[in-house]
């Protein structure tokens, strides 16, 4: 753990937002996002990313891109998992297609907004119970994205990658 400028605890930084964006761009050619403050420094380094108003819309957009031959990645916050799961099961899982979903795992730090705390407690349990492959960015780092991309693109797997507050510069 480290501290931000206000002295609040943050998880350790794994890499810069710019390096994270570059790694995503090197493997994925369709990026959609429901914006979150954890991604505010990432998005400027992802030219052409597509704004989605809701998580299920982001999944639908990514599925259309996959059917068009693209390699999609969705960036979203953990509070949108409920919306995203139904869309994932009815598209990517049903048709055996691959997608990476990057989830900002909000609500694990005591100073984060109160509405995020419940999601911070249940996110990993929900993902595990859905039998979706989950990786933690703070454990695999940038090097792990290469293996994830191979699984998503070549093996048509749906994979979730959780990012903690502080893993990227915000």
N, C-alpha and C. Protein backbone atom coordinates (compact mmCIF):
# COMPACT_ATOMS: atom_id res chain seq x y z
N UNK A 1 0.85 -1.18 0.00
CA UNK A 1 0.00 0.00 0.00
C UNK A 1 0.89 1.24 0.00
N UNK A 2 0.36 2.28 -0.59
CA UNK A 2 1.02 3.57 -0.61
C UNK A 2 -0.03 4.62 -0.31
N UNK A 3 0.31 5.88 -0.36
CA UNK A 3 -0.65 6.95 -0.09
C UNK A 3 -0.72 7.91 -1.26
N UNK A 4 -1.92 8.49 -1.45
CA UNK A 4 -2.06 9.52 -2.48
C UNK A 4 -1.68 10.87 -1.88
N UNK A 5 -1.84 11.94 -2.64
CA UNK A 5 -1.45 13.28 -2.21
C UNK A 5 -2.20 13.75 -0.96
N UNK A 6 -3.40 13.19 -0.74
CA UNK A 6 -4.19 13.55 0.44
C UNK A 6 -3.90 12.63 1.63
N UNK A 7 -2.95 11.72 1.50
CA UNK A 7 -2.60 10.82 2.59
C UNK A 7 -3.52 9.61 2.71
N UNK A 8 -4.36 9.38 1.70
CA UNK A 8 -5.28 8.23 1.73
C UNK A 8 -4.56 7.00 1.19
N UNK A 9 -4.88 5.82 1.72
CA UNK A 9 -4.22 4.61 1.22
C UNK A 9 -4.65 4.26 -0.20
N UNK A 10 -3.69 3.79 -0.98
CA UNK A 10 -3.91 3.28 -2.33
C UNK A 10 -3.16 1.96 -2.46
N UNK A 11 -3.64 1.12 -3.35
CA UNK A 11 -2.88 -0.09 -3.66
C UNK A 11 -1.64 0.29 -4.45
N UNK A 12 -0.67 -0.58 -4.47
CA UNK A 12 0.59 -0.30 -5.16
C UNK A 12 0.36 -0.11 -6.65
N UNK A 13 1.14 0.82 -7.21
CA UNK A 13 1.06 1.06 -8.65
C UNK A 13 1.81 -0.05 -9.38
N UNK A 14 1.16 -0.63 -10.39
CA UNK A 14 1.75 -1.69 -11.19
C UNK A 14 2.47 -1.08 -12.39
N UNK A 15 1.85 -0.08 -13.01
CA UNK A 15 2.44 0.58 -14.16
C UNK A 15 1.73 1.90 -14.38
N UNK A 16 2.21 2.66 -15.34
CA UNK A 16 1.55 3.92 -15.67
C UNK A 16 0.31 3.64 -16.52
N UNK A 17 -0.62 4.56 -16.49
CA UNK A 17 -1.82 4.46 -17.32
C UNK A 17 -1.44 4.41 -18.79
N UNK A 18 -0.41 5.15 -19.16
CA UNK A 18 0.04 5.17 -20.55
C UNK A 18 0.55 3.79 -20.98
N UNK A 19 1.33 3.13 -20.13
CA UNK A 19 1.83 1.80 -20.46
C UNK A 19 0.70 0.78 -20.51
N UNK A 20 -0.26 0.90 -19.61
CA UNK A 20 -1.43 0.01 -19.60
C UNK A 20 -2.20 0.16 -20.91
N UNK A 21 -2.43 1.40 -21.32
CA UNK A 21 -3.15 1.67 -22.58
C UNK A 21 -2.37 1.10 -23.76
N UNK A 22 -1.07 1.29 -23.77
CA UNK A 22 -0.25 0.79 -24.88
C UNK A 22 -0.33 -0.73 -24.97
N UNK A 23 -0.34 -1.41 -23.83
CA UNK A 23 -0.43 -2.87 -23.84
C UNK A 23 -1.79 -3.33 -24.36
N UNK A 24 -2.85 -2.65 -23.94
CA UNK A 24 -4.18 -2.99 -24.47
C UNK A 24 -4.23 -2.79 -25.98
N UNK A 25 -3.74 -1.64 -26.44
CA UNK A 25 -3.76 -1.33 -27.88
C UNK A 25 -2.94 -2.32 -28.70
N UNK A 26 -1.91 -2.88 -28.10
CA UNK A 26 -1.06 -3.81 -28.86
C UNK A 26 -1.76 -5.14 -29.12
N UNK A 27 -2.83 -5.43 -28.40
CA UNK A 27 -3.53 -6.71 -28.56
C UNK A 27 -4.98 -6.58 -29.01
N UNK A 28 -5.62 -5.48 -28.67
CA UNK A 28 -7.06 -5.33 -28.91
C UNK A 28 -7.31 -4.14 -29.83
N UNK A 29 -8.20 -4.33 -30.80
CA UNK A 29 -8.45 -3.27 -31.77
C UNK A 29 -9.87 -2.69 -31.69
N UNK A 30 -10.61 -3.06 -30.66
CA UNK A 30 -11.90 -2.41 -30.38
C UNK A 30 -11.99 -2.23 -28.88
N UNK A 31 -12.10 -0.98 -28.45
CA UNK A 31 -12.13 -0.66 -27.02
C UNK A 31 -13.36 0.17 -26.73
N UNK A 32 -14.15 -0.30 -25.79
CA UNK A 32 -15.30 0.46 -25.33
C UNK A 32 -15.23 0.58 -23.82
N UNK A 33 -15.81 1.66 -23.30
CA UNK A 33 -15.67 1.94 -21.88
C UNK A 33 -16.90 2.65 -21.34
N UNK A 34 -17.30 2.25 -20.15
CA UNK A 34 -18.19 3.05 -19.32
C UNK A 34 -17.22 3.76 -18.37
N UNK A 35 -16.98 5.05 -18.57
CA UNK A 35 -15.89 5.73 -17.87
C UNK A 35 -15.98 5.63 -16.34
N UNK A 36 -14.82 5.57 -15.74
CA UNK A 36 -14.65 5.50 -14.29
C UNK A 36 -13.37 6.28 -13.98
N UNK A 37 -13.28 6.86 -12.79
CA UNK A 37 -12.12 7.69 -12.45
C UNK A 37 -10.81 6.90 -12.50
N UNK A 38 -10.85 5.61 -12.30
CA UNK A 38 -9.63 4.81 -12.38
C UNK A 38 -9.05 4.83 -13.80
N UNK A 39 -9.91 5.03 -14.79
CA UNK A 39 -9.46 5.04 -16.19
C UNK A 39 -9.19 6.44 -16.73
N UNK A 40 -9.30 7.47 -15.91
CA UNK A 40 -9.21 8.84 -16.45
C UNK A 40 -7.87 9.15 -17.10
N UNK A 41 -6.80 8.51 -16.66
CA UNK A 41 -5.49 8.73 -17.30
C UNK A 41 -5.23 7.71 -18.40
N UNK A 42 -6.02 6.64 -18.46
CA UNK A 42 -5.85 5.61 -19.49
C UNK A 42 -6.51 6.06 -20.79
N UNK A 43 -7.73 6.55 -20.70
CA UNK A 43 -8.52 6.85 -21.90
C UNK A 43 -7.87 7.82 -22.87
N UNK A 44 -7.17 8.86 -22.43
CA UNK A 44 -6.51 9.73 -23.42
C UNK A 44 -5.47 9.01 -24.28
N UNK A 45 -4.99 7.86 -23.82
CA UNK A 45 -3.99 7.09 -24.57
C UNK A 45 -4.62 5.99 -25.42
N UNK A 46 -5.96 6.00 -25.49
CA UNK A 46 -6.69 5.02 -26.30
C UNK A 46 -7.53 5.74 -27.35
N UNK A 47 -6.89 6.35 -28.34
CA UNK A 47 -7.66 7.08 -29.35
C UNK A 47 -8.65 6.14 -30.05
N UNK A 48 -9.84 6.65 -30.26
CA UNK A 48 -10.86 5.88 -30.95
C UNK A 48 -11.69 4.97 -30.05
N UNK A 49 -11.48 5.04 -28.73
CA UNK A 49 -12.31 4.22 -27.85
C UNK A 49 -13.75 4.68 -27.95
N UNK A 50 -14.65 3.74 -27.74
CA UNK A 50 -16.09 4.01 -27.89
C UNK A 50 -16.76 4.15 -26.53
N UNK A 51 -17.47 5.24 -26.34
CA UNK A 51 -18.21 5.49 -25.10
C UNK A 51 -19.46 4.63 -25.06
N UNK A 52 -19.69 3.99 -23.93
CA UNK A 52 -20.92 3.22 -23.72
C UNK A 52 -21.64 3.81 -22.51
N UNK A 53 -22.95 4.00 -22.60
CA UNK A 53 -23.68 4.60 -21.47
C UNK A 53 -23.93 3.63 -20.32
N UNK A 54 -23.93 2.35 -20.61
CA UNK A 54 -24.16 1.32 -19.60
C UNK A 54 -23.32 0.10 -19.94
N UNK A 55 -23.09 -0.71 -18.95
CA UNK A 55 -22.21 -1.87 -19.13
C UNK A 55 -22.77 -2.91 -20.10
N UNK A 56 -24.07 -3.14 -20.07
CA UNK A 56 -24.65 -4.09 -21.02
C UNK A 56 -24.53 -3.57 -22.45
N UNK A 57 -24.57 -2.26 -22.62
CA UNK A 57 -24.38 -1.68 -23.95
C UNK A 57 -22.93 -1.88 -24.41
N UNK A 58 -22.00 -1.72 -23.49
CA UNK A 58 -20.59 -1.93 -23.82
C UNK A 58 -20.35 -3.36 -24.27
N UNK A 59 -20.95 -4.32 -23.57
CA UNK A 59 -20.81 -5.72 -23.94
C UNK A 59 -21.41 -5.96 -25.32
N UNK A 60 -22.58 -5.38 -25.58
CA UNK A 60 -23.23 -5.55 -26.89
C UNK A 60 -22.37 -4.96 -28.00
N UNK A 61 -21.79 -3.78 -27.76
CA UNK A 61 -20.93 -3.16 -28.76
C UNK A 61 -19.70 -4.04 -29.02
N UNK A 62 -19.11 -4.57 -27.95
CA UNK A 62 -17.93 -5.42 -28.09
C UNK A 62 -18.28 -6.71 -28.83
N UNK A 63 -19.47 -7.25 -28.58
CA UNK A 63 -19.89 -8.47 -29.28
C UNK A 63 -20.05 -8.21 -30.77
N UNK A 64 -20.66 -7.09 -31.13
CA UNK A 64 -20.76 -6.74 -32.54
C UNK A 64 -19.40 -6.60 -33.19
N UNK A 65 -18.47 -5.98 -32.46
CA UNK A 65 -17.11 -5.84 -32.99
C UNK A 65 -16.45 -7.20 -33.17
N UNK A 66 -16.67 -8.10 -32.22
CA UNK A 66 -16.08 -9.45 -32.31
C UNK A 66 -16.62 -10.18 -33.53
N UNK A 67 -17.93 -10.07 -33.77
CA UNK A 67 -18.52 -10.72 -34.94
C UNK A 67 -17.99 -10.13 -36.24
N UNK A 68 -17.53 -8.87 -36.17
CA UNK A 68 -16.96 -8.22 -37.34
C UNK A 68 -15.46 -8.50 -37.47
N UNK A 69 -14.94 -9.39 -36.63
CA UNK A 69 -13.55 -9.78 -36.74
C UNK A 69 -12.58 -9.01 -35.87
N UNK A 70 -13.08 -8.18 -34.98
CA UNK A 70 -12.23 -7.39 -34.10
C UNK A 70 -11.91 -8.15 -32.82
N UNK A 71 -10.90 -7.69 -32.11
CA UNK A 71 -10.54 -8.21 -30.79
C UNK A 71 -10.96 -7.15 -29.77
N UNK A 72 -12.07 -7.39 -29.04
CA UNK A 72 -12.61 -6.35 -28.17
C UNK A 72 -12.13 -6.41 -26.72
N UNK A 73 -12.10 -5.25 -26.12
CA UNK A 73 -11.90 -5.11 -24.68
C UNK A 73 -12.91 -4.09 -24.17
N UNK A 74 -13.47 -4.39 -23.00
CA UNK A 74 -14.44 -3.51 -22.35
C UNK A 74 -13.82 -3.04 -21.04
N UNK A 75 -13.86 -1.74 -20.78
CA UNK A 75 -13.42 -1.20 -19.50
C UNK A 75 -14.66 -0.72 -18.76
N UNK A 76 -14.81 -1.15 -17.51
CA UNK A 76 -15.98 -0.79 -16.72
C UNK A 76 -15.64 -0.84 -15.23
N UNK A 77 -16.58 -0.41 -14.43
CA UNK A 77 -16.48 -0.42 -12.98
C UNK A 77 -17.20 -1.65 -12.43
N UNK A 78 -16.81 -2.12 -11.28
CA UNK A 78 -17.43 -3.31 -10.71
C UNK A 78 -18.92 -3.15 -10.42
N UNK A 79 -19.39 -1.95 -10.21
CA UNK A 79 -20.82 -1.76 -9.94
C UNK A 79 -21.69 -2.09 -11.15
N UNK A 80 -21.10 -2.25 -12.31
CA UNK A 80 -21.84 -2.60 -13.51
C UNK A 80 -21.83 -4.09 -13.84
N UNK A 81 -21.29 -4.89 -12.95
CA UNK A 81 -21.18 -6.33 -13.22
C UNK A 81 -22.54 -6.96 -13.47
N UNK A 82 -23.54 -6.59 -12.69
CA UNK A 82 -24.87 -7.18 -12.86
C UNK A 82 -25.41 -6.98 -14.26
N UNK A 83 -25.29 -5.77 -14.77
CA UNK A 83 -25.74 -5.48 -16.13
C UNK A 83 -24.89 -6.24 -17.15
N UNK A 84 -23.61 -6.29 -16.92
CA UNK A 84 -22.71 -6.90 -17.89
C UNK A 84 -22.86 -8.41 -17.97
N UNK A 85 -23.10 -9.07 -16.85
CA UNK A 85 -23.13 -10.54 -16.86
C UNK A 85 -24.24 -11.09 -17.74
N UNK A 86 -25.43 -10.55 -17.64
CA UNK A 86 -26.51 -11.03 -18.49
C UNK A 86 -26.16 -10.86 -19.96
N UNK A 87 -25.59 -9.71 -20.30
CA UNK A 87 -25.20 -9.47 -21.69
C UNK A 87 -24.08 -10.42 -22.11
N UNK A 88 -23.11 -10.66 -21.24
CA UNK A 88 -22.01 -11.58 -21.55
C UNK A 88 -22.52 -13.00 -21.79
N UNK A 89 -23.40 -13.46 -20.91
CA UNK A 89 -23.91 -14.84 -21.05
C UNK A 89 -24.77 -14.99 -22.29
N UNK A 90 -25.50 -13.95 -22.66
CA UNK A 90 -26.38 -14.03 -23.82
C UNK A 90 -25.71 -13.77 -25.15
N UNK A 91 -24.44 -13.37 -25.12
CA UNK A 91 -23.72 -13.10 -26.37
C UNK A 91 -22.43 -13.91 -26.43
N UNK A 92 -21.39 -13.43 -25.78
CA UNK A 92 -20.07 -14.07 -25.87
C UNK A 92 -20.10 -15.53 -25.44
N UNK A 93 -20.68 -15.81 -24.30
CA UNK A 93 -20.72 -17.19 -23.80
C UNK A 93 -21.60 -18.07 -24.69
N UNK A 94 -22.76 -17.56 -25.07
CA UNK A 94 -23.70 -18.33 -25.89
C UNK A 94 -23.09 -18.70 -27.24
N UNK A 95 -22.38 -17.77 -27.85
CA UNK A 95 -21.83 -17.99 -29.19
C UNK A 95 -20.35 -18.37 -29.19
N UNK A 96 -19.79 -18.63 -28.01
CA UNK A 96 -18.41 -19.09 -27.95
C UNK A 96 -17.39 -18.12 -28.47
N UNK A 97 -17.57 -16.84 -28.16
CA UNK A 97 -16.64 -15.80 -28.60
C UNK A 97 -15.85 -15.27 -27.40
N UNK A 98 -14.72 -14.65 -27.67
CA UNK A 98 -13.85 -14.16 -26.61
C UNK A 98 -13.91 -12.66 -26.43
N UNK A 99 -13.71 -12.24 -25.18
CA UNK A 99 -13.69 -10.81 -24.84
C UNK A 99 -12.93 -10.63 -23.54
N UNK A 100 -12.19 -9.54 -23.45
CA UNK A 100 -11.57 -9.14 -22.19
C UNK A 100 -12.43 -8.04 -21.58
N UNK A 101 -12.76 -8.19 -20.30
CA UNK A 101 -13.48 -7.17 -19.56
C UNK A 101 -12.57 -6.73 -18.41
N UNK A 102 -12.14 -5.47 -18.45
CA UNK A 102 -11.31 -4.91 -17.39
C UNK A 102 -12.25 -4.24 -16.39
N UNK A 103 -12.14 -4.65 -15.14
CA UNK A 103 -13.06 -4.16 -14.11
C UNK A 103 -12.29 -3.40 -13.05
N UNK A 104 -12.64 -2.14 -12.87
CA UNK A 104 -12.07 -1.38 -11.75
C UNK A 104 -12.79 -1.85 -10.50
N UNK A 105 -12.02 -2.40 -9.59
CA UNK A 105 -12.58 -3.00 -8.38
C UNK A 105 -12.67 -1.96 -7.28
N UNK A 106 -13.70 -1.14 -7.38
CA UNK A 106 -13.89 -0.02 -6.46
C UNK A 106 -14.49 -0.49 -5.13
N UNK A 107 -14.30 0.32 -4.09
CA UNK A 107 -14.96 0.09 -2.81
C UNK A 107 -14.19 -0.73 -1.81
N UNK A 108 -12.93 -0.99 -2.05
CA UNK A 108 -12.15 -1.78 -1.10
C UNK A 108 -11.37 -0.92 -0.12
N UNK A 109 -11.28 0.36 -0.40
CA UNK A 109 -10.56 1.27 0.49
C UNK A 109 -11.56 2.06 1.32
N UNK A 110 -11.27 2.30 2.58
CA UNK A 110 -12.26 2.92 3.47
C UNK A 110 -12.71 4.33 3.05
N UNK A 111 -11.90 5.06 2.33
CA UNK A 111 -12.23 6.44 1.97
C UNK A 111 -13.05 6.54 0.68
N UNK A 112 -13.20 5.42 -0.04
CA UNK A 112 -13.97 5.48 -1.29
C UNK A 112 -15.45 5.74 -0.99
N UNK A 113 -16.15 6.23 -1.98
CA UNK A 113 -17.55 6.59 -1.81
C UNK A 113 -18.34 5.40 -1.28
N UNK A 114 -19.28 5.69 -0.38
CA UNK A 114 -20.04 4.67 0.33
C UNK A 114 -20.77 3.70 -0.62
N UNK A 115 -21.26 4.21 -1.75
CA UNK A 115 -22.00 3.35 -2.67
C UNK A 115 -21.13 2.26 -3.29
N UNK A 116 -19.82 2.40 -3.20
CA UNK A 116 -18.92 1.41 -3.78
C UNK A 116 -18.54 0.29 -2.80
N UNK A 117 -18.74 0.51 -1.52
CA UNK A 117 -18.25 -0.45 -0.52
C UNK A 117 -18.84 -1.84 -0.68
N UNK A 118 -20.13 -1.95 -0.90
CA UNK A 118 -20.73 -3.28 -1.04
C UNK A 118 -20.13 -4.01 -2.25
N UNK A 119 -20.00 -3.30 -3.36
CA UNK A 119 -19.42 -3.94 -4.54
C UNK A 119 -17.98 -4.36 -4.29
N UNK A 120 -17.25 -3.56 -3.53
CA UNK A 120 -15.87 -3.93 -3.19
C UNK A 120 -15.79 -5.22 -2.41
N UNK A 121 -16.81 -5.49 -1.60
CA UNK A 121 -16.83 -6.72 -0.80
C UNK A 121 -17.23 -7.95 -1.61
N UNK A 122 -18.07 -7.79 -2.63
CA UNK A 122 -18.66 -8.96 -3.30
C UNK A 122 -18.14 -9.22 -4.71
N UNK A 123 -17.41 -8.32 -5.29
CA UNK A 123 -17.01 -8.44 -6.70
C UNK A 123 -16.33 -9.77 -7.01
N UNK A 124 -15.28 -10.10 -6.29
CA UNK A 124 -14.54 -11.32 -6.62
C UNK A 124 -15.40 -12.57 -6.42
N UNK A 125 -16.22 -12.59 -5.38
CA UNK A 125 -17.10 -13.75 -5.15
C UNK A 125 -18.10 -13.92 -6.29
N UNK A 126 -18.65 -12.82 -6.77
CA UNK A 126 -19.61 -12.89 -7.88
C UNK A 126 -18.94 -13.45 -9.13
N UNK A 127 -17.77 -12.94 -9.45
CA UNK A 127 -17.07 -13.39 -10.66
C UNK A 127 -16.70 -14.86 -10.57
N UNK A 128 -16.23 -15.30 -9.43
CA UNK A 128 -15.88 -16.71 -9.25
C UNK A 128 -17.12 -17.58 -9.37
N UNK A 129 -18.23 -17.15 -8.78
CA UNK A 129 -19.45 -17.96 -8.84
C UNK A 129 -20.00 -18.07 -10.26
N UNK A 130 -19.67 -17.12 -11.11
CA UNK A 130 -20.12 -17.16 -12.50
C UNK A 130 -19.22 -18.01 -13.39
N UNK A 131 -18.16 -18.54 -12.81
CA UNK A 131 -17.23 -19.43 -13.52
C UNK A 131 -16.59 -18.76 -14.74
N UNK A 132 -16.26 -17.48 -14.54
CA UNK A 132 -15.53 -16.73 -15.55
C UNK A 132 -14.08 -16.61 -15.07
N UNK A 133 -13.14 -16.83 -15.98
CA UNK A 133 -11.72 -16.71 -15.62
C UNK A 133 -11.43 -15.28 -15.18
N UNK A 134 -10.84 -15.13 -14.00
CA UNK A 134 -10.52 -13.81 -13.45
C UNK A 134 -9.02 -13.74 -13.16
N UNK A 135 -8.42 -12.66 -13.61
CA UNK A 135 -7.04 -12.36 -13.27
C UNK A 135 -7.01 -11.05 -12.51
N UNK A 136 -6.02 -10.91 -11.64
CA UNK A 136 -5.83 -9.68 -10.87
C UNK A 136 -4.60 -8.96 -11.43
N UNK A 137 -4.81 -7.73 -11.87
CA UNK A 137 -3.73 -6.99 -12.51
C UNK A 137 -2.53 -6.84 -11.58
N UNK A 138 -2.76 -6.63 -10.30
CA UNK A 138 -1.64 -6.46 -9.37
C UNK A 138 -0.82 -7.74 -9.22
N UNK A 139 -1.36 -8.88 -9.65
CA UNK A 139 -0.61 -10.14 -9.59
C UNK A 139 0.07 -10.48 -10.92
N UNK A 140 -0.59 -10.19 -12.04
CA UNK A 140 -0.03 -10.59 -13.34
C UNK A 140 0.76 -9.48 -14.03
N UNK A 141 0.46 -8.22 -13.72
CA UNK A 141 1.16 -7.11 -14.33
C UNK A 141 0.95 -7.00 -15.83
N UNK A 142 1.71 -6.14 -16.46
CA UNK A 142 1.59 -5.93 -17.90
C UNK A 142 1.92 -7.19 -18.69
N UNK A 143 2.89 -7.95 -18.22
CA UNK A 143 3.30 -9.16 -18.95
C UNK A 143 2.16 -10.16 -19.07
N UNK A 144 1.25 -10.19 -18.12
CA UNK A 144 0.14 -11.14 -18.15
C UNK A 144 -0.91 -10.82 -19.20
N UNK A 145 -0.95 -9.60 -19.66
CA UNK A 145 -1.96 -9.22 -20.66
C UNK A 145 -1.72 -9.95 -21.97
N UNK A 146 -0.48 -10.25 -22.27
CA UNK A 146 -0.16 -11.00 -23.49
C UNK A 146 -0.84 -12.37 -23.47
N UNK A 147 -0.75 -13.08 -22.36
CA UNK A 147 -1.39 -14.39 -22.24
C UNK A 147 -2.91 -14.26 -22.27
N UNK A 148 -3.44 -13.25 -21.61
CA UNK A 148 -4.89 -13.03 -21.63
C UNK A 148 -5.36 -12.79 -23.06
N UNK A 149 -4.65 -11.96 -23.80
CA UNK A 149 -5.03 -11.65 -25.18
C UNK A 149 -5.05 -12.92 -26.03
N UNK A 150 -4.08 -13.77 -25.84
CA UNK A 150 -4.03 -15.03 -26.58
C UNK A 150 -5.26 -15.88 -26.28
N UNK A 151 -5.63 -15.97 -25.01
CA UNK A 151 -6.80 -16.76 -24.63
C UNK A 151 -8.09 -16.16 -25.18
N UNK A 152 -8.20 -14.84 -25.13
CA UNK A 152 -9.40 -14.16 -25.63
C UNK A 152 -9.53 -14.32 -27.14
N UNK A 153 -8.47 -14.04 -27.85
CA UNK A 153 -8.51 -14.00 -29.31
C UNK A 153 -8.43 -15.39 -29.94
N UNK A 154 -7.51 -16.21 -29.47
CA UNK A 154 -7.29 -17.51 -30.11
C UNK A 154 -8.14 -18.63 -29.54
N UNK A 155 -8.48 -18.54 -28.26
CA UNK A 155 -9.24 -19.61 -27.62
C UNK A 155 -10.69 -19.20 -27.34
N UNK A 156 -11.06 -17.98 -27.73
CA UNK A 156 -12.42 -17.47 -27.55
C UNK A 156 -12.92 -17.55 -26.11
N UNK A 157 -12.09 -17.11 -25.19
CA UNK A 157 -12.48 -17.10 -23.77
C UNK A 157 -12.93 -15.71 -23.36
N UNK A 158 -13.89 -15.67 -22.45
CA UNK A 158 -14.27 -14.44 -21.77
C UNK A 158 -13.41 -14.38 -20.51
N UNK A 159 -12.68 -13.30 -20.36
CA UNK A 159 -11.78 -13.14 -19.22
C UNK A 159 -12.03 -11.79 -18.57
N UNK A 160 -12.03 -11.80 -17.25
CA UNK A 160 -12.14 -10.57 -16.46
C UNK A 160 -10.76 -10.26 -15.87
N UNK A 161 -10.39 -9.00 -15.93
CA UNK A 161 -9.14 -8.52 -15.33
C UNK A 161 -9.50 -7.43 -14.34
N UNK A 162 -9.26 -7.67 -13.05
CA UNK A 162 -9.58 -6.65 -12.06
C UNK A 162 -8.38 -5.73 -11.84
N UNK A 163 -8.68 -4.45 -11.70
CA UNK A 163 -7.69 -3.41 -11.44
C UNK A 163 -8.09 -2.71 -10.16
N UNK A 164 -7.16 -2.61 -9.21
CA UNK A 164 -7.43 -1.95 -7.93
C UNK A 164 -7.11 -0.46 -8.03
N UNK A 165 -7.77 0.32 -7.19
CA UNK A 165 -7.48 1.76 -7.13
C UNK A 165 -6.03 1.93 -6.71
N UNK A 166 -5.26 2.58 -7.58
CA UNK A 166 -3.84 2.81 -7.33
C UNK A 166 -2.93 1.98 -8.21
N UNK A 167 -3.44 0.88 -8.81
CA UNK A 167 -2.61 0.06 -9.70
C UNK A 167 -2.13 0.86 -10.91
N UNK A 168 -2.89 1.87 -11.31
CA UNK A 168 -2.55 2.78 -12.40
C UNK A 168 -2.50 4.19 -11.82
N UNK A 169 -1.69 5.05 -12.41
CA UNK A 169 -1.72 6.43 -11.93
C UNK A 169 -3.05 7.05 -12.33
N UNK A 170 -3.66 7.74 -11.40
CA UNK A 170 -4.96 8.35 -11.64
C UNK A 170 -4.79 9.84 -11.71
